[in-house]
Amino acid sequence: MGNFIGFPVEVLLRSNIHLSKSLVVPIKDWQGCDGGWGGTVSYTRTVHHIETTSYPGESTTYAVNATQQVDASLRGDPNYGMTSVSHGEASGESVGSELDTLHTALGDAPTQRTDNLSGSGNVDFTIAALGQNTYSIQMVGPVTFTGQHTEVASGSVQQSDIASIVGIPPFKATAADRNRPDLLQGDSTSPDPSTPGGQIEISWDLAMCK
């Protein structure tokens, strides 16, 4: 009798009907930390720029599009109180294209250049208190990206290996809650002063762990 009753009940419980209930369980992916500041810092640099230079009888149009992304994961340092340094790893990629078009009375002559790079490595960050729950954050030591440069002009294709040194520029972060100075979360967007049409975005999610 028990098997006779239990079998249909088990079928009902395993069936996707209104007798069954779904349970959503939130899960937090905890990040390990050796002490000091741990967490993540993300950096994105984008460039969208078009410029035309004119000469007697001809002109050249430059169209540049590029994206550079670096993500750093910090695990801290047990001696942070003495060094103000957090250790971690950083990885990312850089993709860019430039189309140079020479305009003359005979027609247009385009030259297409593209770069594709990626890389990863160990990095350090100094996180120094400035007062008023504000900190100066700076990446110490860049990451090397390697990849390939391709140039296409007049039906000819040329390729070469390239390398680039990439780093996250220094920035300041203030605790959003003055009662929780051990949490730094936020983001910022600003023009890139080194490149026309460039923009820099930085986001951070850091916590002081012991």
N, C-alpha and C. Protein backbone atom coordinates (compact mmCIF):
# COMPACT_ATOMS: atom_id res chain seq x y z
N MET A 1 0.83 -1.21 0.00
CA MET A 1 0.00 0.00 0.00
C MET A 1 0.86 1.26 0.00
N GLY A 2 1.96 1.22 0.79
CA GLY A 2 2.84 2.38 0.86
C GLY A 2 3.47 2.68 -0.49
N ASN A 3 3.92 1.65 -1.20
CA ASN A 3 4.50 1.86 -2.51
C ASN A 3 3.46 2.36 -3.50
N PHE A 4 2.25 1.87 -3.38
CA PHE A 4 1.17 2.25 -4.29
C PHE A 4 0.86 3.75 -4.17
N ILE A 5 0.90 4.28 -2.92
CA ILE A 5 0.62 5.71 -2.69
C ILE A 5 1.86 6.55 -2.97
N GLY A 6 2.99 6.05 -2.57
CA GLY A 6 4.22 6.84 -2.69
C GLY A 6 4.64 7.11 -4.12
N PHE A 7 4.43 6.15 -5.02
CA PHE A 7 4.88 6.33 -6.40
C PHE A 7 4.19 7.50 -7.10
N PRO A 8 2.85 7.61 -7.07
CA PRO A 8 2.22 8.78 -7.74
C PRO A 8 2.58 10.10 -7.08
N VAL A 9 2.77 10.10 -5.76
CA VAL A 9 3.17 11.34 -5.08
C VAL A 9 4.55 11.78 -5.56
N GLU A 10 5.46 10.82 -5.69
CA GLU A 10 6.80 11.13 -6.17
C GLU A 10 6.76 11.68 -7.60
N VAL A 11 5.90 11.09 -8.44
CA VAL A 11 5.76 11.57 -9.81
C VAL A 11 5.24 13.00 -9.83
N LEU A 12 4.25 13.30 -8.99
CA LEU A 12 3.70 14.66 -8.93
C LEU A 12 4.73 15.66 -8.47
N LEU A 13 5.54 15.28 -7.47
CA LEU A 13 6.54 16.20 -6.95
C LEU A 13 7.62 16.49 -7.99
N ARG A 14 7.94 15.51 -8.81
CA ARG A 14 8.99 15.70 -9.81
C ARG A 14 8.45 16.30 -11.11
N SER A 15 7.14 16.41 -11.24
CA SER A 15 6.55 16.95 -12.46
C SER A 15 6.51 18.46 -12.41
N ASN A 16 6.54 19.08 -13.55
CA ASN A 16 6.49 20.54 -13.64
C ASN A 16 5.03 21.01 -13.70
N ILE A 17 4.30 20.77 -12.63
CA ILE A 17 2.90 21.20 -12.53
C ILE A 17 2.75 22.04 -11.28
N HIS A 18 1.54 22.58 -11.08
CA HIS A 18 1.37 23.55 -10.01
C HIS A 18 1.55 22.96 -8.62
N LEU A 19 1.61 21.62 -8.50
CA LEU A 19 1.89 21.05 -7.20
C LEU A 19 3.38 21.17 -6.83
N SER A 20 4.21 21.38 -7.86
CA SER A 20 5.64 21.52 -7.62
C SER A 20 5.98 22.97 -7.31
N LYS A 21 7.00 23.18 -6.52
CA LYS A 21 7.44 24.53 -6.14
C LYS A 21 8.88 24.75 -6.57
N SER A 22 9.18 25.98 -7.08
CA SER A 22 10.55 26.32 -7.38
C SER A 22 11.13 27.17 -6.27
N LEU A 23 12.40 26.97 -6.01
CA LEU A 23 13.09 27.71 -4.96
C LEU A 23 14.33 28.37 -5.55
N VAL A 24 14.38 29.68 -5.45
CA VAL A 24 15.54 30.44 -5.93
C VAL A 24 16.45 30.69 -4.75
N VAL A 25 17.67 30.19 -4.84
CA VAL A 25 18.64 30.32 -3.75
C VAL A 25 19.73 31.30 -4.19
N PRO A 26 19.83 32.48 -3.56
CA PRO A 26 20.91 33.42 -3.92
C PRO A 26 22.26 32.89 -3.44
N ILE A 27 23.27 33.06 -4.29
CA ILE A 27 24.61 32.57 -3.97
C ILE A 27 25.60 33.71 -4.15
N LYS A 28 26.44 33.92 -3.20
CA LYS A 28 27.49 34.94 -3.29
C LYS A 28 28.82 34.25 -3.54
N ASP A 29 29.51 34.68 -4.59
CA ASP A 29 30.81 34.13 -4.92
C ASP A 29 31.87 34.91 -4.14
N TRP A 30 32.28 34.38 -3.02
CA TRP A 30 33.23 35.08 -2.16
C TRP A 30 34.61 35.05 -2.78
N GLN A 31 35.31 36.17 -2.68
CA GLN A 31 36.67 36.26 -3.18
C GLN A 31 37.64 36.13 -2.03
N GLY A 32 38.70 35.36 -2.27
CA GLY A 32 39.70 35.19 -1.24
C GLY A 32 40.51 36.46 -1.03
N CYS A 33 41.00 36.66 0.18
CA CYS A 33 41.79 37.86 0.47
C CYS A 33 42.82 37.52 1.54
N ASP A 34 44.04 37.98 1.32
CA ASP A 34 45.13 37.69 2.25
C ASP A 34 45.29 38.76 3.33
N GLY A 35 44.42 39.75 3.34
CA GLY A 35 44.55 40.87 4.26
C GLY A 35 44.70 42.15 3.49
N GLY A 36 44.33 43.28 4.09
CA GLY A 36 44.36 44.54 3.36
C GLY A 36 43.19 44.64 2.41
N TRP A 37 43.38 45.33 1.29
CA TRP A 37 42.29 45.53 0.34
C TRP A 37 42.27 44.41 -0.69
N GLY A 38 41.09 43.85 -0.90
CA GLY A 38 40.87 42.85 -1.92
C GLY A 38 39.64 43.22 -2.73
N GLY A 39 39.53 42.67 -3.94
CA GLY A 39 38.38 42.96 -4.79
C GLY A 39 38.79 43.11 -6.24
N THR A 40 38.07 43.97 -6.95
CA THR A 40 38.30 44.09 -8.40
C THR A 40 38.38 45.56 -8.82
N VAL A 41 39.15 45.79 -9.87
CA VAL A 41 39.24 47.10 -10.53
C VAL A 41 39.17 46.84 -12.03
N SER A 42 38.28 47.54 -12.72
CA SER A 42 38.13 47.38 -14.17
C SER A 42 38.37 48.71 -14.87
N TYR A 43 39.04 48.62 -16.01
CA TYR A 43 39.43 49.81 -16.77
C TYR A 43 39.10 49.60 -18.24
N THR A 44 38.43 50.58 -18.84
CA THR A 44 38.10 50.53 -20.27
C THR A 44 38.45 51.87 -20.90
N ARG A 45 39.20 51.80 -21.99
CA ARG A 45 39.56 53.00 -22.75
C ARG A 45 39.03 52.84 -24.17
N THR A 46 38.23 53.79 -24.62
CA THR A 46 37.68 53.74 -25.97
C THR A 46 38.08 54.99 -26.74
N VAL A 47 38.24 54.83 -28.05
CA VAL A 47 38.58 55.94 -28.94
C VAL A 47 37.71 55.85 -30.18
N HIS A 48 37.00 56.94 -30.47
CA HIS A 48 36.22 57.06 -31.70
C HIS A 48 36.50 58.46 -32.25
N HIS A 49 37.27 58.51 -33.34
CA HIS A 49 37.74 59.81 -33.82
C HIS A 49 37.88 59.80 -35.34
N ILE A 50 37.37 60.85 -35.97
CA ILE A 50 37.51 61.04 -37.42
C ILE A 50 38.07 62.43 -37.66
N GLU A 51 39.11 62.50 -38.49
CA GLU A 51 39.78 63.77 -38.77
C GLU A 51 40.21 63.81 -40.23
N THR A 52 40.07 64.97 -40.85
CA THR A 52 40.48 65.15 -42.25
C THR A 52 41.53 66.24 -42.33
N THR A 53 42.62 65.92 -43.00
CA THR A 53 43.70 66.89 -43.22
C THR A 53 43.77 67.20 -44.72
N SER A 54 43.75 68.48 -45.05
CA SER A 54 43.71 68.90 -46.46
C SER A 54 45.05 69.46 -46.91
N TYR A 55 45.40 69.13 -48.15
CA TYR A 55 46.59 69.65 -48.81
C TYR A 55 46.18 70.14 -50.19
N PRO A 56 46.99 70.92 -50.87
CA PRO A 56 46.65 71.36 -52.23
C PRO A 56 46.41 70.17 -53.17
N GLY A 57 45.19 70.04 -53.66
CA GLY A 57 44.87 68.99 -54.62
C GLY A 57 44.54 67.64 -54.02
N GLU A 58 44.64 67.50 -52.67
CA GLU A 58 44.32 66.22 -52.06
C GLU A 58 44.01 66.40 -50.58
N SER A 59 43.47 65.36 -49.98
CA SER A 59 43.18 65.37 -48.55
C SER A 59 43.22 63.93 -48.03
N THR A 60 43.37 63.79 -46.73
CA THR A 60 43.41 62.47 -46.11
C THR A 60 42.45 62.45 -44.92
N THR A 61 41.61 61.40 -44.86
CA THR A 61 40.68 61.21 -43.76
C THR A 61 41.17 60.07 -42.88
N TYR A 62 41.26 60.34 -41.58
CA TYR A 62 41.69 59.35 -40.60
C TYR A 62 40.48 58.97 -39.74
N ALA A 63 40.13 57.69 -39.74
CA ALA A 63 39.03 57.19 -38.89
C ALA A 63 39.60 56.16 -37.93
N VAL A 64 39.56 56.46 -36.64
CA VAL A 64 40.17 55.60 -35.62
C VAL A 64 39.10 55.08 -34.67
N ASN A 65 39.11 53.78 -34.44
CA ASN A 65 38.23 53.15 -33.45
C ASN A 65 39.06 52.14 -32.66
N ALA A 66 39.03 52.24 -31.35
CA ALA A 66 39.85 51.35 -30.53
C ALA A 66 39.19 51.13 -29.17
N THR A 67 39.40 49.95 -28.63
CA THR A 67 38.92 49.61 -27.29
C THR A 67 40.00 48.85 -26.55
N GLN A 68 40.26 49.28 -25.33
CA GLN A 68 41.27 48.62 -24.48
C GLN A 68 40.61 48.31 -23.14
N GLN A 69 40.72 47.05 -22.71
CA GLN A 69 40.06 46.60 -21.48
C GLN A 69 41.07 45.91 -20.59
N VAL A 70 41.08 46.30 -19.29
CA VAL A 70 41.95 45.65 -18.30
C VAL A 70 41.11 45.38 -17.05
N ASP A 71 41.12 44.13 -16.59
CA ASP A 71 40.44 43.74 -15.36
C ASP A 71 41.47 43.22 -14.37
N ALA A 72 41.47 43.79 -13.17
CA ALA A 72 42.41 43.39 -12.13
C ALA A 72 41.66 42.79 -10.95
N SER A 73 42.17 41.69 -10.43
CA SER A 73 41.60 41.04 -9.25
C SER A 73 42.64 41.08 -8.15
N LEU A 74 42.32 41.75 -7.03
CA LEU A 74 43.27 41.94 -5.93
C LEU A 74 42.99 40.97 -4.80
N ARG A 75 44.03 40.39 -4.27
CA ARG A 75 43.88 39.46 -3.15
C ARG A 75 44.45 40.03 -1.85
N GLY A 76 45.03 41.25 -1.90
CA GLY A 76 45.53 41.89 -0.69
C GLY A 76 46.95 41.49 -0.35
N ASP A 77 47.30 41.72 0.93
CA ASP A 77 48.64 41.40 1.42
C ASP A 77 48.55 41.34 2.94
N PRO A 78 49.05 40.28 3.58
CA PRO A 78 48.98 40.18 5.04
C PRO A 78 49.75 41.28 5.76
N ASN A 79 50.71 41.91 5.05
CA ASN A 79 51.49 43.00 5.65
C ASN A 79 51.03 44.36 5.14
N TYR A 80 49.75 44.46 4.77
CA TYR A 80 49.26 45.70 4.17
C TYR A 80 49.47 46.91 5.07
N GLY A 81 49.32 46.74 6.37
CA GLY A 81 49.46 47.87 7.28
C GLY A 81 50.81 48.54 7.20
N MET A 82 51.84 47.81 6.76
CA MET A 82 53.17 48.38 6.68
C MET A 82 53.53 48.81 5.25
N THR A 83 52.91 48.19 4.25
CA THR A 83 53.31 48.46 2.87
C THR A 83 52.28 49.23 2.05
N SER A 84 50.99 49.18 2.43
CA SER A 84 49.90 49.80 1.66
C SER A 84 49.82 49.25 0.24
N VAL A 85 50.27 48.00 0.06
CA VAL A 85 50.26 47.38 -1.26
C VAL A 85 49.37 46.16 -1.26
N SER A 86 48.54 46.02 -2.31
CA SER A 86 47.74 44.82 -2.53
C SER A 86 48.22 44.14 -3.80
N HIS A 87 48.38 42.84 -3.73
CA HIS A 87 48.84 42.06 -4.88
C HIS A 87 47.65 41.49 -5.64
N GLY A 88 47.86 41.19 -6.90
CA GLY A 88 46.80 40.61 -7.68
C GLY A 88 47.23 40.24 -9.07
N GLU A 89 46.25 39.93 -9.90
CA GLU A 89 46.48 39.60 -11.30
C GLU A 89 45.62 40.51 -12.18
N ALA A 90 46.14 40.80 -13.36
CA ALA A 90 45.40 41.63 -14.31
C ALA A 90 45.44 40.95 -15.68
N SER A 91 44.35 41.09 -16.42
CA SER A 91 44.30 40.53 -17.78
C SER A 91 43.41 41.43 -18.62
N GLY A 92 43.57 41.33 -19.94
CA GLY A 92 42.73 42.16 -20.80
C GLY A 92 43.09 42.00 -22.25
N GLU A 93 42.50 42.89 -23.06
CA GLU A 93 42.75 42.86 -24.49
C GLU A 93 42.65 44.27 -25.05
N SER A 94 43.24 44.43 -26.23
CA SER A 94 43.23 45.72 -26.91
C SER A 94 42.97 45.47 -28.39
N VAL A 95 41.92 46.10 -28.91
CA VAL A 95 41.54 45.94 -30.31
C VAL A 95 41.40 47.34 -30.92
N GLY A 96 42.05 47.55 -32.04
CA GLY A 96 41.98 48.87 -32.66
C GLY A 96 42.02 48.79 -34.18
N SER A 97 41.43 49.79 -34.82
CA SER A 97 41.47 49.86 -36.28
C SER A 97 41.61 51.32 -36.70
N GLU A 98 42.34 51.53 -37.78
CA GLU A 98 42.50 52.87 -38.34
C GLU A 98 42.39 52.78 -39.86
N LEU A 99 41.50 53.57 -40.42
CA LEU A 99 41.32 53.62 -41.86
C LEU A 99 41.77 54.98 -42.36
N ASP A 100 42.88 54.99 -43.10
CA ASP A 100 43.41 56.23 -43.68
C ASP A 100 43.04 56.23 -45.17
N THR A 101 42.31 57.25 -45.59
CA THR A 101 41.87 57.33 -46.98
C THR A 101 42.44 58.59 -47.63
N LEU A 102 43.26 58.39 -48.66
CA LEU A 102 43.82 59.51 -49.41
C LEU A 102 42.86 59.86 -50.56
N HIS A 103 42.40 61.09 -50.56
CA HIS A 103 41.47 61.56 -51.59
C HIS A 103 42.24 62.42 -52.60
N THR A 104 42.19 62.03 -53.87
CA THR A 104 42.82 62.81 -54.94
C THR A 104 41.85 62.91 -56.11
N ALA A 105 42.25 63.65 -57.14
CA ALA A 105 41.41 63.79 -58.33
C ALA A 105 41.25 62.46 -59.05
N LEU A 106 42.15 61.52 -58.82
CA LEU A 106 42.08 60.22 -59.47
C LEU A 106 41.22 59.22 -58.71
N GLY A 107 40.84 59.55 -57.48
CA GLY A 107 40.03 58.64 -56.67
C GLY A 107 40.55 58.52 -55.25
N ASP A 108 40.00 57.56 -54.53
CA ASP A 108 40.38 57.34 -53.14
C ASP A 108 41.31 56.13 -53.03
N ALA A 109 42.30 56.26 -52.17
CA ALA A 109 43.25 55.16 -51.92
C ALA A 109 43.24 54.86 -50.42
N PRO A 110 42.50 53.82 -49.98
CA PRO A 110 42.42 53.53 -48.55
C PRO A 110 43.55 52.63 -48.06
N THR A 111 43.92 52.82 -46.79
CA THR A 111 44.86 51.95 -46.10
C THR A 111 44.23 51.56 -44.76
N GLN A 112 44.05 50.27 -44.54
CA GLN A 112 43.41 49.77 -43.33
C GLN A 112 44.46 49.15 -42.40
N ARG A 113 44.48 49.62 -41.16
CA ARG A 113 45.39 49.07 -40.16
C ARG A 113 44.57 48.54 -38.98
N THR A 114 44.89 47.34 -38.50
CA THR A 114 44.21 46.76 -37.36
C THR A 114 45.22 46.16 -36.38
N ASP A 115 44.92 46.29 -35.10
CA ASP A 115 45.74 45.71 -34.04
C ASP A 115 44.87 44.83 -33.16
N ASN A 116 45.36 43.64 -32.84
CA ASN A 116 44.67 42.73 -31.91
C ASN A 116 45.69 42.20 -30.91
N LEU A 117 45.54 42.60 -29.64
CA LEU A 117 46.49 42.23 -28.61
C LEU A 117 45.75 41.73 -27.38
N SER A 118 46.44 40.94 -26.57
CA SER A 118 45.92 40.50 -25.28
C SER A 118 47.09 40.17 -24.38
N GLY A 119 46.81 40.09 -23.07
CA GLY A 119 47.89 39.76 -22.15
C GLY A 119 47.39 39.65 -20.72
N SER A 120 48.26 39.18 -19.84
CA SER A 120 47.94 39.04 -18.42
C SER A 120 49.24 39.01 -17.63
N GLY A 121 49.13 39.26 -16.33
CA GLY A 121 50.32 39.24 -15.50
C GLY A 121 50.02 39.64 -14.07
N ASN A 122 51.00 39.47 -13.21
CA ASN A 122 50.87 39.88 -11.81
C ASN A 122 51.07 41.39 -11.68
N VAL A 123 50.28 42.00 -10.81
CA VAL A 123 50.37 43.45 -10.61
C VAL A 123 50.25 43.77 -9.12
N ASP A 124 50.65 44.97 -8.78
CA ASP A 124 50.47 45.49 -7.43
C ASP A 124 49.66 46.78 -7.51
N PHE A 125 48.91 47.07 -6.45
CA PHE A 125 48.20 48.33 -6.33
C PHE A 125 48.54 48.95 -4.98
N THR A 126 48.87 50.23 -4.98
CA THR A 126 49.01 50.96 -3.73
C THR A 126 47.68 51.64 -3.45
N ILE A 127 47.18 51.48 -2.24
CA ILE A 127 45.91 52.07 -1.83
C ILE A 127 46.19 52.85 -0.55
N ALA A 128 46.32 54.16 -0.71
CA ALA A 128 46.75 55.01 0.40
C ALA A 128 45.61 55.92 0.85
N ALA A 129 45.42 56.04 2.16
CA ALA A 129 44.37 56.87 2.72
C ALA A 129 44.72 58.35 2.57
N LEU A 130 43.73 59.15 2.12
CA LEU A 130 43.90 60.59 1.98
C LEU A 130 43.11 61.37 3.03
N GLY A 131 42.29 60.67 3.81
CA GLY A 131 41.42 61.33 4.78
C GLY A 131 40.00 61.42 4.26
N GLN A 132 39.05 61.60 5.18
CA GLN A 132 37.63 61.69 4.85
C GLN A 132 37.16 60.46 4.07
N ASN A 133 37.66 59.28 4.48
CA ASN A 133 37.28 58.01 3.85
C ASN A 133 37.57 57.99 2.35
N THR A 134 38.58 58.74 1.92
CA THR A 134 38.98 58.78 0.52
C THR A 134 40.37 58.17 0.37
N TYR A 135 40.57 57.43 -0.71
CA TYR A 135 41.82 56.73 -0.93
C TYR A 135 42.36 57.01 -2.32
N SER A 136 43.67 57.07 -2.41
CA SER A 136 44.36 57.17 -3.70
C SER A 136 44.75 55.76 -4.14
N ILE A 137 44.33 55.37 -5.34
CA ILE A 137 44.57 54.01 -5.82
C ILE A 137 45.42 54.08 -7.08
N GLN A 138 46.51 53.35 -7.09
CA GLN A 138 47.43 53.40 -8.22
C GLN A 138 47.98 52.01 -8.52
N MET A 139 47.95 51.66 -9.80
CA MET A 139 48.52 50.39 -10.24
C MET A 139 50.03 50.54 -10.38
N VAL A 140 50.78 49.61 -9.78
CA VAL A 140 52.24 49.66 -9.81
C VAL A 140 52.73 48.54 -10.74
N GLY A 141 53.37 48.93 -11.82
CA GLY A 141 53.85 47.93 -12.77
C GLY A 141 52.80 47.61 -13.81
N PRO A 142 53.13 47.77 -15.10
CA PRO A 142 52.17 47.55 -16.16
C PRO A 142 52.08 46.08 -16.56
N VAL A 143 51.15 45.81 -17.46
CA VAL A 143 50.99 44.48 -18.05
C VAL A 143 51.36 44.58 -19.53
N THR A 144 52.05 43.58 -20.05
CA THR A 144 52.43 43.57 -21.46
C THR A 144 51.40 42.83 -22.28
N PHE A 145 50.85 43.52 -23.28
CA PHE A 145 49.95 42.90 -24.25
C PHE A 145 50.76 42.58 -25.51
N THR A 146 50.53 41.43 -26.09
CA THR A 146 51.18 41.06 -27.34
C THR A 146 50.11 40.64 -28.35
N GLY A 147 50.43 40.78 -29.63
CA GLY A 147 49.47 40.42 -30.65
C GLY A 147 50.01 40.68 -32.04
N GLN A 148 49.09 41.02 -32.94
CA GLN A 148 49.46 41.16 -34.34
C GLN A 148 48.92 42.45 -34.93
N HIS A 149 49.75 43.06 -35.76
CA HIS A 149 49.37 44.25 -36.51
C HIS A 149 49.22 43.87 -37.98
N THR A 150 48.09 44.27 -38.57
CA THR A 150 47.82 43.96 -39.98
C THR A 150 47.56 45.25 -40.74
N GLU A 151 48.18 45.36 -41.91
CA GLU A 151 48.01 46.53 -42.76
C GLU A 151 47.64 46.08 -44.17
N VAL A 152 46.54 46.64 -44.67
CA VAL A 152 46.06 46.30 -46.00
C VAL A 152 46.02 47.58 -46.84
N ALA A 153 46.75 47.58 -47.96
CA ALA A 153 46.79 48.75 -48.85
C ALA A 153 47.06 48.29 -50.27
N SER A 154 46.26 48.78 -51.22
CA SER A 154 46.44 48.47 -52.64
C SER A 154 46.49 46.97 -52.91
N GLY A 155 45.64 46.23 -52.18
CA GLY A 155 45.59 44.78 -52.37
C GLY A 155 46.69 44.01 -51.70
N SER A 156 47.62 44.70 -51.04
CA SER A 156 48.74 44.04 -50.36
C SER A 156 48.44 43.93 -48.86
N VAL A 157 48.79 42.78 -48.28
CA VAL A 157 48.56 42.54 -46.85
C VAL A 157 49.91 42.31 -46.16
N GLN A 158 50.17 43.09 -45.12
CA GLN A 158 51.40 42.93 -44.35
C GLN A 158 51.03 42.72 -42.87
N GLN A 159 51.70 41.76 -42.25
CA GLN A 159 51.43 41.45 -40.84
C GLN A 159 52.73 41.44 -40.06
N SER A 160 52.65 41.84 -38.79
CA SER A 160 53.83 41.84 -37.93
C SER A 160 53.40 41.67 -36.49
N ASP A 161 54.30 41.12 -35.68
CA ASP A 161 54.05 40.96 -34.25
C ASP A 161 54.32 42.29 -33.53
N ILE A 162 53.46 42.61 -32.56
CA ILE A 162 53.62 43.86 -31.82
C ILE A 162 53.41 43.61 -30.33
N ALA A 163 53.85 44.55 -29.53
CA ALA A 163 53.67 44.50 -28.08
C ALA A 163 53.35 45.89 -27.58
N SER A 164 52.60 45.95 -26.49
CA SER A 164 52.22 47.23 -25.91
C SER A 164 52.18 47.12 -24.39
N ILE A 165 52.62 48.18 -23.71
CA ILE A 165 52.59 48.24 -22.26
C ILE A 165 51.29 48.91 -21.83
N VAL A 166 50.52 48.23 -20.99
CA VAL A 166 49.20 48.72 -20.60
C VAL A 166 49.11 48.84 -19.08
N GLY A 167 48.53 49.94 -18.61
CA GLY A 167 48.34 50.14 -17.19
C GLY A 167 47.05 50.88 -16.90
N ILE A 168 46.57 50.76 -15.68
CA ILE A 168 45.37 51.49 -15.25
C ILE A 168 45.82 52.81 -14.61
N PRO A 169 45.33 53.94 -15.10
CA PRO A 169 45.76 55.22 -14.53
C PRO A 169 45.30 55.36 -13.08
N PRO A 170 46.02 56.14 -12.27
CA PRO A 170 45.63 56.33 -10.87
C PRO A 170 44.30 57.05 -10.75
N PHE A 171 43.58 56.77 -9.66
CA PHE A 171 42.29 57.41 -9.43
C PHE A 171 42.03 57.47 -7.92
N LYS A 172 40.99 58.20 -7.56
CA LYS A 172 40.60 58.33 -6.16
C LYS A 172 39.24 57.67 -5.94
N ALA A 173 39.07 57.05 -4.79
CA ALA A 173 37.81 56.39 -4.44
C ALA A 173 37.41 56.77 -3.03
N THR A 174 36.14 57.09 -2.86
CA THR A 174 35.60 57.47 -1.55
C THR A 174 34.52 56.48 -1.13
N ALA A 175 34.56 56.06 0.12
CA ALA A 175 33.55 55.15 0.62
C ALA A 175 32.17 55.80 0.52
N ALA A 176 31.21 55.09 -0.09
CA ALA A 176 29.87 55.65 -0.27
C ALA A 176 29.15 55.81 1.07
N ASP A 177 29.46 54.93 2.01
CA ASP A 177 28.85 54.97 3.34
C ASP A 177 29.95 55.32 4.34
N ARG A 178 29.80 56.48 4.99
CA ARG A 178 30.86 56.90 5.93
C ARG A 178 30.97 55.96 7.12
N ASN A 179 29.91 55.15 7.35
CA ASN A 179 29.95 54.18 8.43
C ASN A 179 30.61 52.87 8.00
N ARG A 180 30.91 52.78 6.70
CA ARG A 180 31.60 51.58 6.20
C ARG A 180 32.83 51.99 5.39
N PRO A 181 33.83 52.55 6.05
CA PRO A 181 35.04 52.95 5.32
C PRO A 181 35.83 51.76 4.77
N ASP A 182 35.41 50.54 5.14
CA ASP A 182 36.09 49.35 4.65
C ASP A 182 35.54 48.88 3.31
N LEU A 183 34.58 49.62 2.73
CA LEU A 183 34.01 49.26 1.44
C LEU A 183 34.18 50.42 0.45
N LEU A 184 34.78 50.13 -0.69
CA LEU A 184 34.95 51.12 -1.75
C LEU A 184 34.31 50.58 -3.01
N GLN A 185 33.20 51.20 -3.41
CA GLN A 185 32.48 50.77 -4.60
C GLN A 185 32.08 52.00 -5.41
N GLY A 186 32.34 51.96 -6.72
CA GLY A 186 31.97 53.11 -7.53
C GLY A 186 32.52 53.01 -8.93
N ASP A 187 32.33 54.08 -9.70
CA ASP A 187 32.85 54.13 -11.06
C ASP A 187 33.01 55.59 -11.47
N SER A 188 33.79 55.81 -12.51
CA SER A 188 34.01 57.17 -13.02
C SER A 188 34.24 57.11 -14.53
N THR A 189 33.86 58.19 -15.20
CA THR A 189 34.05 58.32 -16.64
C THR A 189 34.64 59.70 -16.92
N SER A 190 35.69 59.74 -17.72
CA SER A 190 36.35 61.01 -18.01
C SER A 190 36.98 60.96 -19.40
N PRO A 191 37.17 62.14 -20.03
CA PRO A 191 37.86 62.17 -21.33
C PRO A 191 39.31 61.72 -21.18
N ASP A 192 39.83 61.10 -22.23
CA ASP A 192 41.24 60.71 -22.24
C ASP A 192 42.05 61.90 -22.77
N PRO A 193 42.84 62.56 -21.91
CA PRO A 193 43.56 63.76 -22.35
C PRO A 193 44.63 63.49 -23.38
N SER A 194 45.02 62.23 -23.56
CA SER A 194 46.11 61.92 -24.48
C SER A 194 45.65 61.63 -25.90
N THR A 195 44.32 61.45 -26.10
CA THR A 195 43.83 61.04 -27.42
C THR A 195 42.54 61.76 -27.76
N PRO A 196 42.47 62.41 -28.93
CA PRO A 196 41.19 63.01 -29.35
C PRO A 196 40.12 61.93 -29.50
N GLY A 197 38.93 62.23 -29.00
CA GLY A 197 37.84 61.26 -29.08
C GLY A 197 37.97 60.09 -28.13
N GLY A 198 38.89 60.19 -27.16
CA GLY A 198 39.11 59.10 -26.21
C GLY A 198 38.32 59.27 -24.93
N GLN A 199 37.96 58.17 -24.33
CA GLN A 199 37.21 58.18 -23.07
C GLN A 199 37.72 57.05 -22.17
N ILE A 200 37.80 57.34 -20.87
CA ILE A 200 38.29 56.37 -19.90
C ILE A 200 37.20 56.09 -18.87
N GLU A 201 36.92 54.81 -18.65
CA GLU A 201 35.96 54.38 -17.62
C GLU A 201 36.68 53.45 -16.64
N ILE A 202 36.50 53.74 -15.36
CA ILE A 202 37.09 52.90 -14.30
C ILE A 202 36.00 52.56 -13.30
N SER A 203 35.92 51.31 -12.91
CA SER A 203 35.00 50.88 -11.86
C SER A 203 35.77 50.06 -10.83
N TRP A 204 35.34 50.12 -9.58
CA TRP A 204 36.05 49.43 -8.52
C TRP A 204 35.06 48.87 -7.50
N ASP A 205 35.43 47.72 -6.94
CA ASP A 205 34.65 47.06 -5.89
C ASP A 205 35.67 46.43 -4.94
N LEU A 206 36.02 47.17 -3.90
CA LEU A 206 37.09 46.77 -3.00
C LEU A 206 36.59 46.72 -1.57
N ALA A 207 37.17 45.82 -0.80
CA ALA A 207 36.80 45.66 0.62
C ALA A 207 38.06 45.39 1.42
N MET A 208 38.12 45.99 2.60
CA MET A 208 39.24 45.75 3.50
C MET A 208 38.97 44.44 4.28
N CYS A 209 39.84 43.48 4.13
CA CYS A 209 39.64 42.21 4.82
C CYS A 209 40.82 41.96 5.76
N LYS A 210 40.58 41.17 6.76
CA LYS A 210 41.60 40.91 7.78
C LYS A 210 41.86 39.42 7.88
